[in-house]
């Protein structure tokens, strides 16, 4: 294998398997292969933009435990896997915090 250019990618480490036709087929879930897929988990920065917080503020509140933590990926580096149900739970928690602070 030649290492041309700045990056080297080992095809076997990508989760590809060789089919009968000699082409490679993904063993990975669709949301990883296709970034435009509706089932793709959202990034923390995208969720922060949706709920109207900065990414830094959202992460601080998650680490503090005042907001519900979403599911994490099983493999390191254990990214947060934000789904629509997590965003709804986050909105409810933010709304109840706001109502408590107004009292």
N, C-alpha and C. Protein backbone atom coordinates (compact mmCIF):
# COMPACT_ATOMS: atom_id res chain seq x y z
N UNK A 1 0.84 -1.19 0.00
CA UNK A 1 0.00 0.00 0.00
C UNK A 1 0.88 1.24 0.00
N UNK A 2 0.57 2.13 -0.90
CA UNK A 2 1.34 3.37 -0.93
C UNK A 2 0.66 4.42 -0.07
N UNK A 3 1.44 5.29 0.47
CA UNK A 3 0.92 6.38 1.31
C UNK A 3 1.13 7.69 0.58
N UNK A 4 0.36 7.88 -0.45
CA UNK A 4 0.52 9.11 -1.23
C UNK A 4 -0.27 10.24 -0.58
N UNK A 5 0.28 11.43 -0.65
CA UNK A 5 -0.43 12.58 -0.11
C UNK A 5 -0.29 12.67 1.40
N UNK A 6 -1.10 13.52 1.97
CA UNK A 6 -1.03 13.80 3.41
C UNK A 6 -1.73 12.74 4.25
N UNK A 7 -2.77 12.10 3.71
CA UNK A 7 -3.58 11.17 4.49
C UNK A 7 -3.46 9.76 3.95
N UNK A 8 -3.48 8.81 4.84
CA UNK A 8 -3.46 7.40 4.49
C UNK A 8 -4.70 6.75 5.07
N UNK A 9 -5.46 6.06 4.24
CA UNK A 9 -6.68 5.40 4.70
C UNK A 9 -6.58 3.92 4.41
N UNK A 10 -6.69 3.11 5.43
CA UNK A 10 -6.72 1.67 5.28
C UNK A 10 -8.16 1.26 5.02
N UNK A 11 -8.43 0.66 3.88
CA UNK A 11 -9.80 0.32 3.48
C UNK A 11 -10.45 -0.62 4.49
N UNK A 12 -9.71 -1.53 5.06
CA UNK A 12 -10.29 -2.50 5.99
C UNK A 12 -10.71 -1.83 7.31
N UNK A 13 -10.07 -0.74 7.69
CA UNK A 13 -10.44 -0.08 8.93
C UNK A 13 -11.72 0.74 8.79
N UNK A 14 -12.19 0.93 7.55
CA UNK A 14 -13.40 1.70 7.33
C UNK A 14 -14.67 0.86 7.49
N UNK A 15 -14.54 -0.44 7.70
CA UNK A 15 -15.71 -1.28 7.84
C UNK A 15 -16.25 -1.72 6.49
N UNK A 16 -15.41 -1.75 5.47
CA UNK A 16 -15.84 -2.16 4.15
C UNK A 16 -15.60 -3.65 3.96
N UNK A 17 -16.50 -4.31 3.25
CA UNK A 17 -16.30 -5.71 2.91
C UNK A 17 -16.38 -5.85 1.39
N UNK A 18 -15.63 -6.76 0.85
CA UNK A 18 -15.60 -6.95 -0.60
C UNK A 18 -16.76 -7.84 -1.02
N UNK A 19 -17.52 -7.40 -2.02
CA UNK A 19 -18.64 -8.18 -2.53
C UNK A 19 -18.18 -9.07 -3.67
N UNK A 20 -19.10 -9.89 -4.23
CA UNK A 20 -18.76 -10.78 -5.32
C UNK A 20 -18.31 -10.00 -6.57
N UNK A 21 -18.85 -8.81 -6.75
CA UNK A 21 -18.51 -8.01 -7.92
C UNK A 21 -17.14 -7.35 -7.78
N UNK A 22 -16.52 -7.45 -6.63
CA UNK A 22 -15.22 -6.85 -6.43
C UNK A 22 -15.29 -5.43 -5.90
N UNK A 23 -16.50 -4.94 -5.66
CA UNK A 23 -16.63 -3.59 -5.10
C UNK A 23 -16.76 -3.70 -3.59
N UNK A 24 -16.59 -2.60 -2.92
CA UNK A 24 -16.71 -2.59 -1.47
C UNK A 24 -18.08 -2.10 -1.05
N UNK A 25 -18.62 -2.72 -0.03
CA UNK A 25 -19.93 -2.36 0.48
C UNK A 25 -19.78 -2.01 1.96
N UNK A 26 -20.52 -1.01 2.40
CA UNK A 26 -20.41 -0.56 3.78
C UNK A 26 -21.11 -1.51 4.75
N UNK A 27 -20.46 -1.76 5.87
CA UNK A 27 -21.07 -2.49 6.97
C UNK A 27 -21.58 -1.51 8.03
N UNK A 28 -21.32 -0.23 7.82
CA UNK A 28 -21.69 0.79 8.80
C UNK A 28 -23.15 1.18 8.64
N UNK A 29 -23.76 1.72 9.70
CA UNK A 29 -25.13 2.20 9.59
C UNK A 29 -25.24 3.32 8.56
N UNK A 30 -26.42 3.51 8.03
CA UNK A 30 -26.62 4.49 6.97
C UNK A 30 -26.32 5.92 7.43
N UNK A 31 -26.66 6.26 8.69
CA UNK A 31 -26.46 7.63 9.13
C UNK A 31 -24.97 8.00 9.18
N UNK A 32 -24.09 7.00 9.26
CA UNK A 32 -22.66 7.29 9.21
C UNK A 32 -22.21 7.46 7.77
N UNK A 33 -22.74 6.64 6.87
CA UNK A 33 -22.36 6.72 5.46
C UNK A 33 -22.89 7.97 4.78
N UNK A 34 -24.13 8.35 5.09
CA UNK A 34 -24.80 9.45 4.40
C UNK A 34 -25.08 10.57 5.38
N UNK A 35 -24.28 11.65 5.35
CA UNK A 35 -24.50 12.73 6.32
C UNK A 35 -25.85 13.43 6.17
N UNK A 36 -26.49 13.32 5.02
CA UNK A 36 -27.78 13.97 4.81
C UNK A 36 -28.95 13.10 5.25
N UNK A 37 -28.67 11.91 5.77
CA UNK A 37 -29.71 10.99 6.19
C UNK A 37 -30.50 11.56 7.37
N UNK A 38 -31.84 11.41 7.36
CA UNK A 38 -32.63 11.93 8.48
C UNK A 38 -32.37 11.19 9.80
N UNK A 39 -31.82 9.98 9.73
CA UNK A 39 -31.56 9.24 10.95
C UNK A 39 -30.16 9.53 11.51
N UNK A 40 -29.42 10.42 10.88
CA UNK A 40 -28.10 10.79 11.36
C UNK A 40 -28.22 11.56 12.66
N UNK A 41 -27.45 11.18 13.68
CA UNK A 41 -27.50 11.95 14.93
C UNK A 41 -26.94 13.34 14.72
N UNK A 42 -27.50 14.31 15.43
CA UNK A 42 -27.04 15.69 15.31
C UNK A 42 -25.82 15.92 16.18
N UNK A 43 -25.01 16.89 15.79
CA UNK A 43 -23.84 17.28 16.59
C UNK A 43 -24.30 18.23 17.68
N UNK A 44 -23.47 18.35 18.72
CA UNK A 44 -23.80 19.22 19.84
C UNK A 44 -23.94 20.66 19.39
N UNK A 45 -23.10 21.10 18.46
CA UNK A 45 -23.20 22.47 17.95
C UNK A 45 -24.52 22.70 17.23
N UNK A 46 -25.00 21.70 16.47
CA UNK A 46 -26.28 21.82 15.78
C UNK A 46 -27.43 21.89 16.77
N UNK A 47 -27.38 21.08 17.82
CA UNK A 47 -28.43 21.08 18.83
C UNK A 47 -28.45 22.41 19.58
N UNK A 48 -27.27 22.92 19.91
CA UNK A 48 -27.19 24.21 20.60
C UNK A 48 -27.82 25.31 19.76
N UNK A 49 -27.58 25.29 18.47
CA UNK A 49 -28.18 26.28 17.57
C UNK A 49 -29.71 26.13 17.54
N UNK A 50 -30.19 24.89 17.56
CA UNK A 50 -31.64 24.64 17.51
C UNK A 50 -32.33 25.17 18.76
N UNK A 51 -31.74 24.92 19.93
CA UNK A 51 -32.40 25.33 21.19
C UNK A 51 -32.05 26.76 21.61
N UNK A 52 -31.15 27.40 20.89
CA UNK A 52 -30.86 28.80 21.16
C UNK A 52 -29.82 29.05 22.24
N UNK A 53 -28.90 28.11 22.42
CA UNK A 53 -27.80 28.27 23.37
C UNK A 53 -26.48 28.22 22.62
N UNK A 54 -25.43 28.69 23.25
CA UNK A 54 -24.11 28.49 22.65
C UNK A 54 -23.68 27.06 22.96
N UNK A 55 -22.79 26.53 22.13
CA UNK A 55 -22.32 25.17 22.34
C UNK A 55 -21.63 25.05 23.69
N UNK A 56 -20.85 26.03 24.05
CA UNK A 56 -20.12 26.01 25.31
C UNK A 56 -21.08 25.98 26.51
N UNK A 57 -22.14 26.81 26.43
CA UNK A 57 -23.11 26.85 27.52
C UNK A 57 -23.86 25.52 27.63
N UNK A 58 -24.22 24.94 26.50
CA UNK A 58 -24.91 23.65 26.51
C UNK A 58 -24.04 22.57 27.14
N UNK A 59 -22.78 22.51 26.76
CA UNK A 59 -21.88 21.49 27.31
C UNK A 59 -21.66 21.70 28.80
N UNK A 60 -21.53 22.95 29.23
CA UNK A 60 -21.38 23.23 30.66
C UNK A 60 -22.57 22.73 31.46
N UNK A 61 -23.77 22.99 30.94
CA UNK A 61 -24.99 22.56 31.65
C UNK A 61 -25.12 21.04 31.64
N UNK A 62 -24.68 20.39 30.56
CA UNK A 62 -24.71 18.92 30.51
C UNK A 62 -23.75 18.34 31.55
N UNK A 63 -22.55 18.91 31.62
CA UNK A 63 -21.56 18.41 32.58
C UNK A 63 -21.98 18.68 34.02
N UNK A 64 -22.68 19.79 34.22
CA UNK A 64 -23.15 20.13 35.57
C UNK A 64 -24.30 19.22 35.99
N UNK A 65 -25.03 18.67 35.02
CA UNK A 65 -26.14 17.77 35.32
C UNK A 65 -27.48 18.45 35.36
N UNK A 66 -27.57 19.71 34.92
CA UNK A 66 -28.85 20.41 34.95
C UNK A 66 -29.67 20.15 33.70
N UNK A 67 -29.07 19.56 32.69
CA UNK A 67 -29.79 19.19 31.47
C UNK A 67 -29.59 17.70 31.21
N UNK A 68 -30.58 17.04 30.59
CA UNK A 68 -30.46 15.60 30.35
C UNK A 68 -29.39 15.29 29.31
N UNK A 69 -28.57 14.32 29.61
CA UNK A 69 -27.48 13.89 28.73
C UNK A 69 -28.03 12.91 27.70
N UNK A 70 -27.69 13.07 26.41
CA UNK A 70 -28.15 12.12 25.40
C UNK A 70 -27.32 10.84 25.44
N UNK A 71 -27.72 9.88 24.64
CA UNK A 71 -26.97 8.63 24.49
C UNK A 71 -25.60 8.95 23.89
N UNK A 72 -24.61 8.15 24.24
CA UNK A 72 -23.26 8.34 23.70
C UNK A 72 -22.89 7.17 22.80
N UNK A 73 -21.99 7.41 21.86
CA UNK A 73 -21.55 6.34 20.96
C UNK A 73 -20.76 5.31 21.77
N UNK A 74 -20.87 4.04 21.41
CA UNK A 74 -20.19 3.00 22.18
C UNK A 74 -18.68 3.00 22.03
N UNK A 75 -18.18 3.53 20.92
CA UNK A 75 -16.74 3.52 20.67
C UNK A 75 -16.12 4.86 21.02
N UNK A 76 -14.88 4.82 21.49
CA UNK A 76 -14.20 6.09 21.76
C UNK A 76 -14.15 6.93 20.48
N UNK A 77 -14.32 8.19 20.58
CA UNK A 77 -14.30 9.11 21.70
C UNK A 77 -15.67 9.37 22.33
N UNK A 78 -16.63 8.48 22.18
CA UNK A 78 -17.93 8.54 22.85
C UNK A 78 -18.67 9.86 22.60
N UNK A 79 -18.87 10.15 21.34
CA UNK A 79 -19.62 11.36 20.96
C UNK A 79 -21.05 11.28 21.46
N UNK A 80 -21.65 12.45 21.70
CA UNK A 80 -23.07 12.50 22.05
C UNK A 80 -23.88 12.24 20.79
N UNK A 81 -24.87 11.35 20.88
CA UNK A 81 -25.73 11.02 19.75
C UNK A 81 -27.08 11.69 19.96
N UNK A 82 -27.24 12.88 19.47
CA UNK A 82 -28.47 13.65 19.67
C UNK A 82 -29.53 13.19 18.68
N UNK A 83 -30.68 12.82 19.19
CA UNK A 83 -31.85 12.44 18.39
C UNK A 83 -32.95 13.46 18.66
N UNK A 84 -34.04 13.37 17.93
CA UNK A 84 -35.14 14.33 18.11
C UNK A 84 -35.74 14.21 19.51
N UNK A 85 -35.82 13.00 20.05
CA UNK A 85 -36.38 12.84 21.41
C UNK A 85 -35.50 13.53 22.44
N UNK A 86 -34.18 13.53 22.21
CA UNK A 86 -33.27 14.21 23.14
C UNK A 86 -33.45 15.72 23.08
N UNK A 87 -33.71 16.24 21.88
CA UNK A 87 -33.91 17.68 21.72
C UNK A 87 -35.20 18.09 22.41
N UNK A 88 -36.24 17.27 22.29
CA UNK A 88 -37.51 17.58 22.97
C UNK A 88 -37.34 17.57 24.48
N UNK A 89 -36.61 16.58 25.00
CA UNK A 89 -36.35 16.53 26.45
C UNK A 89 -35.54 17.74 26.90
N UNK A 90 -34.61 18.16 26.06
CA UNK A 90 -33.79 19.34 26.36
C UNK A 90 -34.65 20.60 26.40
N UNK A 91 -35.56 20.73 25.45
CA UNK A 91 -36.46 21.90 25.42
C UNK A 91 -37.35 21.93 26.66
N UNK A 92 -37.86 20.79 27.06
CA UNK A 92 -38.72 20.73 28.25
C UNK A 92 -37.93 21.12 29.49
N UNK A 93 -36.70 20.62 29.61
CA UNK A 93 -35.86 20.96 30.77
C UNK A 93 -35.54 22.45 30.78
N UNK A 94 -35.27 23.02 29.62
CA UNK A 94 -34.98 24.46 29.55
C UNK A 94 -36.21 25.29 29.92
N UNK A 95 -37.38 24.82 29.47
CA UNK A 95 -38.63 25.53 29.77
C UNK A 95 -38.94 25.50 31.26
N UNK A 96 -38.75 24.35 31.91
CA UNK A 96 -39.01 24.26 33.35
C UNK A 96 -38.00 25.08 34.14
N UNK A 97 -36.75 25.12 33.69
CA UNK A 97 -35.74 25.97 34.35
C UNK A 97 -36.14 27.44 34.26
N UNK A 98 -36.62 27.82 33.09
CA UNK A 98 -37.01 29.22 32.88
C UNK A 98 -38.21 29.58 33.76
N UNK A 99 -39.17 28.66 33.88
CA UNK A 99 -40.35 28.91 34.71
C UNK A 99 -39.97 28.99 36.18
N UNK A 100 -39.04 28.17 36.63
CA UNK A 100 -38.59 28.21 38.03
C UNK A 100 -37.85 29.51 38.33
N UNK A 101 -37.07 29.99 37.37
CA UNK A 101 -36.32 31.23 37.58
C UNK A 101 -37.22 32.46 37.58
N UNK A 102 -38.38 32.37 36.92
CA UNK A 102 -39.31 33.51 36.89
C UNK A 102 -40.07 33.65 38.20
N UNK A 103 -40.16 32.57 38.97
CA UNK A 103 -40.93 32.60 40.23
C UNK A 103 -40.17 33.30 41.32
